[in-house]
């Protein structure tokens, strides 16, 4: 086992990357540092200054550098006889729709493999929540946000979403049929296409993710679908009562941030709503 006798903590982010670290290795070596102690280097929330708000623990952060650059750093360290001590984040991840595990939970609920990865109270006594995951990120009540047109339905390369400023929350798959068939004039093949999507939605993530991507791309490539979906989105966004029903049907509950103090149903890092804790006691999560 390599035992460091002098470490130097390096905070990596988009302002200090692998390339920047490479530029000071000579200095660290001359200083007598035996080990570089690196901050988290996996993908975190965009623009993260610290890296502890992890969105994907399996991929290096592109804001910090590439695998090739990391290998080059490793080789340089070996020539100096220096080691690398890596800080990791096993306790929590970012509650962010850029987090693919969490996005799957928001979109598919308990069907998602990752539902059990997060420390969620799955049967909350408060009727508002039930088995839905709280999302306490609104700056006002749902009603107030709807009246100010801050919550809208959109169709993006990831499918139907509920947009709140720069955040897109996924629409539950079972609601696609309701959105698409509450009107006449739907395109040919709509029932079969929705059947296909709903069948895919129960599959494992490895099948579901590329399958859904392909499904959405097919819809976006068809002019008749483009016109129909644009009309449906406009129809919903002009009717607050439909948007309210849409919000009520999700696997999560968008609420005012202040409600987290009394109604939160997931373990967070201290009182930071945007950091949701993991169940590291579960072998599959570890």
Protein backbone atom coordinates (compact mmCIF):
# COMPACT_ATOMS: atom_id res chain seq x y z
CA UNK A 1 0.00 0.00 0.00
CA UNK A 2 1.22 3.49 -0.87
CA UNK A 3 1.27 5.67 2.25
CA UNK A 4 1.58 9.41 1.52
CA UNK A 5 3.82 11.45 3.81
CA UNK A 6 3.06 14.89 2.32
CA UNK A 7 -0.04 15.76 0.31
CA UNK A 8 -1.07 18.81 -1.68
CA UNK A 9 -4.83 19.37 -2.13
CA UNK A 10 -5.79 20.31 -5.68
CA UNK A 11 -9.22 21.76 -6.42
CA UNK A 12 -10.09 20.80 -10.00
CA UNK A 13 -12.83 22.55 -11.97
CA UNK A 14 -13.30 24.44 -15.23
CA UNK A 15 -10.92 27.13 -13.95
CA UNK A 16 -8.16 24.68 -12.97
CA UNK A 17 -8.04 21.59 -15.17
CA UNK A 18 -5.78 18.55 -15.68
CA UNK A 19 -3.80 20.70 -18.08
CA UNK A 20 -3.25 23.36 -15.41
CA UNK A 21 -2.21 20.71 -12.90
CA UNK A 22 0.31 19.30 -15.37
CA UNK A 23 1.89 22.76 -15.52
CA UNK A 24 2.71 22.81 -11.78
CA UNK A 25 3.87 19.21 -11.26
CA UNK A 26 7.55 20.21 -11.46
CA UNK A 27 6.96 22.79 -8.73
CA UNK A 28 5.09 20.31 -6.51
CA UNK A 29 7.89 17.78 -6.91
CA UNK A 30 10.55 20.34 -6.01
CA UNK A 31 8.42 21.37 -3.03
CA UNK A 32 8.70 17.83 -1.68
CA UNK A 33 5.08 16.81 -2.17
CA UNK A 34 4.71 13.03 -2.28
CA UNK A 35 1.03 12.88 -3.23
CA UNK A 36 -1.48 14.93 -5.19
CA UNK A 37 -4.75 14.92 -3.26
CA UNK A 38 -7.39 15.58 -5.95
CA UNK A 39 -10.92 16.88 -5.49
CA UNK A 40 -13.72 14.81 -7.12
CA UNK A 41 -13.13 14.44 -10.87
CA UNK A 42 -16.33 12.77 -12.08
CA UNK A 43 -19.08 14.70 -13.88
CA UNK A 44 -20.78 17.26 -11.64
CA UNK A 45 -23.36 19.99 -12.12
CA UNK A 46 -22.43 22.39 -14.89
CA UNK A 47 -19.93 24.97 -13.69
CA UNK A 48 -19.42 23.27 -10.32
CA UNK A 49 -16.50 24.83 -8.47
CA UNK A 50 -16.01 21.90 -6.08
CA UNK A 51 -17.21 18.68 -7.76
CA UNK A 52 -19.21 17.36 -4.80
CA UNK A 53 -22.51 17.81 -6.65
CA UNK A 54 -21.96 14.71 -8.77
CA UNK A 55 -24.32 14.00 -11.67
CA UNK A 56 -22.54 10.96 -13.14
CA UNK A 57 -20.03 9.02 -11.00
CA UNK A 58 -18.96 6.84 -13.94
CA UNK A 59 -17.67 9.53 -16.30
CA UNK A 60 -14.80 12.01 -15.94
CA UNK A 61 -15.94 15.62 -15.91
CA UNK A 62 -15.40 17.08 -19.39
CA UNK A 63 -14.92 20.45 -17.70
CA UNK A 64 -11.78 19.11 -15.99
CA UNK A 65 -10.22 17.08 -18.78
CA UNK A 66 -10.01 13.79 -20.64
CA UNK A 67 -9.00 10.25 -19.78
CA UNK A 68 -5.91 10.67 -21.99
CA UNK A 69 -4.86 13.73 -19.96
CA UNK A 70 -5.38 11.83 -16.71
CA UNK A 71 -3.23 8.95 -17.97
CA UNK A 72 -0.52 11.44 -18.95
CA UNK A 73 -0.65 12.94 -15.45
CA UNK A 74 -0.33 9.46 -13.95
CA UNK A 75 2.73 8.73 -16.05
CA UNK A 76 4.35 12.02 -15.03
CA UNK A 77 3.65 11.34 -11.37
CA UNK A 78 5.28 7.91 -11.65
CA UNK A 79 8.47 9.43 -13.05
CA UNK A 80 8.61 11.66 -9.96
CA UNK A 81 7.75 8.80 -7.60
CA UNK A 82 4.61 10.70 -6.59
CA UNK A 83 1.17 9.27 -5.84
CA UNK A 84 -2.44 10.30 -6.43
CA UNK A 85 -5.06 10.37 -3.65
CA UNK A 86 -8.59 10.65 -5.06
CA UNK A 87 -11.46 12.26 -3.17
CA UNK A 88 -14.82 10.63 -4.02
CA UNK A 89 -18.44 11.35 -3.11
CA UNK A 90 -20.16 8.16 -1.89
CA UNK A 91 -22.78 9.90 0.25
CA UNK A 92 -24.81 11.95 -2.20
CA UNK A 93 -25.39 13.17 -5.75
CA UNK A 94 -26.79 16.34 -7.25
CA UNK A 95 -30.60 16.56 -7.33
CA UNK A 96 -30.37 17.78 -10.89
CA UNK A 97 -32.06 16.64 -14.11
CA UNK A 98 -28.55 16.37 -15.59
CA UNK A 99 -28.14 13.37 -13.24
CA UNK A 100 -29.09 10.36 -15.44
CA UNK A 101 -29.94 8.10 -12.49
CA UNK A 102 -32.23 10.69 -10.95
CA UNK A 103 -33.75 11.63 -14.31
CA UNK A 104 -34.76 7.99 -14.75
CA UNK A 105 -36.41 8.02 -11.32
CA UNK A 106 -38.29 11.25 -12.10
CA UNK A 107 -39.44 9.87 -15.44
CA UNK A 108 -40.29 6.26 -14.52
CA UNK A 109 -40.82 6.29 -10.76
CA UNK A 110 -40.55 2.95 -8.97
CA UNK A 111 -40.01 1.12 -12.26
CA UNK A 112 -36.55 2.68 -12.37
CA UNK A 113 -33.67 0.53 -11.18
CA UNK A 114 -32.27 3.65 -9.53
CA UNK A 115 -35.29 4.39 -7.33
CA UNK A 116 -33.76 2.23 -4.59
CA UNK A 117 -30.34 3.85 -5.07
CA UNK A 118 -31.56 7.08 -3.48
CA UNK A 119 -32.57 7.42 0.17
CA UNK A 120 -36.27 8.11 -0.43
CA UNK A 121 -39.20 7.64 1.94
CA UNK A 122 -41.33 5.63 -0.48
CA UNK A 123 -44.62 5.78 1.44
CA UNK A 124 -44.82 9.28 2.89
CA UNK A 125 -47.75 9.91 5.27
CA UNK A 126 -48.43 13.33 3.75
CA UNK A 127 -51.12 12.88 1.08
CA UNK A 128 -49.43 15.44 -1.15
CA UNK A 129 -46.45 13.11 -1.61
CA UNK A 130 -47.43 9.46 -1.15
CA UNK A 131 -44.83 7.50 -3.10
CA UNK A 132 -43.78 10.50 -5.21
CA UNK A 133 -40.40 12.15 -4.84
CA UNK A 134 -40.51 15.71 -3.62
CA UNK A 135 -38.82 18.29 -5.87
CA UNK A 136 -38.64 21.45 -3.73
CA UNK A 137 -37.19 23.85 -6.25
CA UNK A 138 -39.93 26.35 -7.09
CA UNK A 139 -39.56 29.97 -6.02
CA UNK A 140 -43.29 30.24 -5.34
CA UNK A 141 -46.34 27.97 -5.10
CA UNK A 142 -47.31 25.88 -8.13
CA UNK A 143 -50.40 28.05 -8.67
CA UNK A 144 -48.35 31.24 -8.63
CA UNK A 145 -45.76 29.76 -11.01
CA UNK A 146 -48.49 28.69 -13.43
CA UNK A 147 -50.13 32.10 -13.38
CA UNK A 148 -46.78 33.69 -14.24
CA UNK A 149 -46.20 31.16 -17.06
CA UNK A 150 -43.07 29.88 -15.32
CA UNK A 151 -44.13 26.22 -15.73
CA UNK A 152 -44.74 25.07 -19.29
CA UNK A 153 -44.95 21.89 -21.33
CA UNK A 154 -42.25 21.47 -23.99
CA UNK A 155 -41.09 18.76 -26.39
CA UNK A 156 -37.31 18.38 -26.57
CA UNK A 157 -34.77 15.78 -27.80
CA UNK A 158 -35.41 13.98 -24.49
CA UNK A 159 -39.20 13.90 -24.99
CA UNK A 160 -41.96 15.81 -23.20
CA UNK A 161 -40.73 17.90 -20.28
CA UNK A 162 -42.08 20.43 -17.81
CA UNK A 163 -39.86 23.48 -18.06
CA UNK A 164 -39.11 25.76 -15.13
CA UNK A 165 -36.66 28.46 -16.19
CA UNK A 166 -33.50 26.56 -17.24
CA UNK A 167 -34.57 23.21 -15.75
CA UNK A 168 -36.50 20.54 -17.66
CA UNK A 169 -38.33 17.92 -15.59
CA UNK A 170 -39.40 14.77 -17.47
CA UNK A 171 -43.04 13.98 -18.08
CA UNK A 172 -44.09 10.50 -16.91
CA UNK A 173 -44.30 8.12 -19.87
CA UNK A 174 -47.86 7.02 -19.14
CA UNK A 175 -48.98 10.62 -19.69
CA UNK A 176 -47.73 10.79 -23.28
CA UNK A 177 -50.92 9.06 -24.43
CA UNK A 178 -53.09 11.58 -22.60
CA UNK A 179 -51.16 14.55 -24.02
CA UNK A 180 -51.31 13.17 -27.55
CA UNK A 181 -54.88 11.88 -27.71
CA UNK A 182 -56.90 14.61 -26.05
CA UNK A 183 -57.62 15.95 -29.55
CA UNK A 184 -58.54 15.01 -33.07
CA UNK A 185 -56.21 15.06 -36.04
CA UNK A 186 -53.42 12.94 -34.65
CA UNK A 187 -50.88 11.52 -37.13
CA UNK A 188 -51.03 8.04 -38.63
CA UNK A 189 -49.54 5.36 -36.40
CA UNK A 190 -50.01 7.28 -33.14
CA UNK A 191 -51.62 4.44 -31.11
CA UNK A 192 -48.95 1.94 -32.22
CA UNK A 193 -46.15 4.43 -31.50
CA UNK A 194 -47.48 5.07 -28.00
CA UNK A 195 -47.86 1.32 -27.38
CA UNK A 196 -44.22 0.88 -28.37
CA UNK A 197 -43.05 3.61 -26.00
CA UNK A 198 -45.06 2.29 -23.05
CA UNK A 199 -43.69 -1.22 -23.56
CA UNK A 200 -40.15 0.16 -23.67
CA UNK A 201 -40.73 2.14 -20.48
CA UNK A 202 -40.67 -0.99 -18.31
CA UNK A 203 -37.31 -2.19 -19.65
CA UNK A 204 -33.93 -1.95 -17.96
CA UNK A 205 -32.02 1.33 -18.45
CA UNK A 206 -29.69 -0.20 -21.03
CA UNK A 207 -32.67 -0.94 -23.29
CA UNK A 208 -34.91 1.96 -22.28
CA UNK A 209 -32.52 4.86 -22.80
CA UNK A 210 -31.49 4.16 -26.44
CA UNK A 211 -35.00 2.94 -27.25
CA UNK A 212 -36.59 6.16 -26.08
CA UNK A 213 -33.95 8.26 -27.83
CA UNK A 214 -34.74 6.48 -31.10
CA UNK A 215 -38.50 6.93 -30.53
CA UNK A 216 -38.15 10.68 -30.00
CA UNK A 217 -35.86 11.07 -33.02
CA UNK A 218 -38.43 9.34 -35.22
CA UNK A 219 -41.13 11.74 -34.04
CA UNK A 220 -38.92 14.77 -34.61
CA UNK A 221 -38.03 13.60 -38.14
CA UNK A 222 -41.68 13.30 -39.21
CA UNK A 223 -43.27 16.65 -40.27
CA UNK A 224 -46.79 15.44 -39.43
CA UNK A 225 -45.65 14.56 -35.90
CA UNK A 226 -43.79 17.86 -35.53
CA UNK A 227 -46.92 19.81 -36.40
CA UNK A 228 -49.15 17.71 -34.15
CA UNK A 229 -46.84 17.88 -31.12
CA UNK A 230 -46.35 21.64 -31.51
CA UNK A 231 -50.13 22.05 -31.54
CA UNK A 232 -50.54 19.89 -28.42
CA UNK A 233 -47.83 21.79 -26.53
CA UNK A 234 -49.46 25.11 -27.41
CA UNK A 235 -52.90 23.78 -26.42
CA UNK A 236 -51.68 22.73 -22.96
CA UNK A 237 -49.71 25.89 -22.31
CA UNK A 238 -52.80 28.01 -22.88
CA UNK A 239 -54.79 26.11 -20.25
CA UNK A 240 -53.64 26.25 -16.64
CA UNK A 241 -56.04 23.49 -15.55
CA UNK A 242 -54.42 21.04 -17.98
CA UNK A 243 -50.94 21.95 -16.76
CA UNK A 244 -52.14 21.44 -13.17
CA UNK A 245 -53.42 17.96 -14.07
CA UNK A 246 -50.18 17.22 -15.86
CA UNK A 247 -48.14 18.18 -12.78
CA UNK A 248 -50.34 16.06 -10.52
CA UNK A 249 -49.71 12.98 -12.66
CA UNK A 250 -45.91 12.95 -12.34
CA UNK A 251 -43.72 10.62 -10.28
CA UNK A 252 -42.49 13.69 -8.40
CA UNK A 253 -44.08 16.73 -6.78
CA UNK A 254 -42.72 20.14 -7.76
CA UNK A 255 -43.18 22.42 -4.74
CA UNK A 256 -42.05 25.68 -3.21
CA UNK A 257 -38.55 25.27 -1.76
CA UNK A 258 -39.80 26.35 1.69
CA UNK A 259 -41.93 23.19 2.04
CA UNK A 260 -38.79 21.06 2.30
CA UNK A 261 -38.46 21.98 5.97
CA UNK A 262 -41.70 20.18 6.85
CA UNK A 263 -42.48 17.79 4.00
CA UNK A 264 -39.20 16.55 2.53
CA UNK A 265 -39.20 12.80 1.77
CA UNK A 266 -35.59 12.19 0.80
CA UNK A 267 -32.39 12.38 2.82
CA UNK A 268 -30.30 15.33 1.77
CA UNK A 269 -26.79 16.53 2.58
CA UNK A 270 -27.35 18.63 5.70
CA UNK A 271 -30.16 20.99 4.56
CA UNK A 272 -29.11 21.35 0.93
CA UNK A 273 -32.18 20.45 -1.14
CA UNK A 274 -30.10 20.03 -4.29
CA UNK A 275 -27.96 17.22 -2.82
CA UNK A 276 -29.85 13.92 -2.53
CA UNK A 277 -28.26 11.11 -0.52
CA UNK A 278 -27.52 7.60 -1.70
CA UNK A 279 -28.18 4.28 0.07
CA UNK A 280 -24.55 3.21 0.20
CA UNK A 281 -25.45 0.40 2.59
CA UNK A 282 -27.02 -1.38 -0.41
CA UNK A 283 -24.44 -3.60 -2.17
CA UNK A 284 -25.68 -2.72 -5.65
CA UNK A 285 -25.23 0.98 -4.92
CA UNK A 286 -21.74 0.49 -3.51
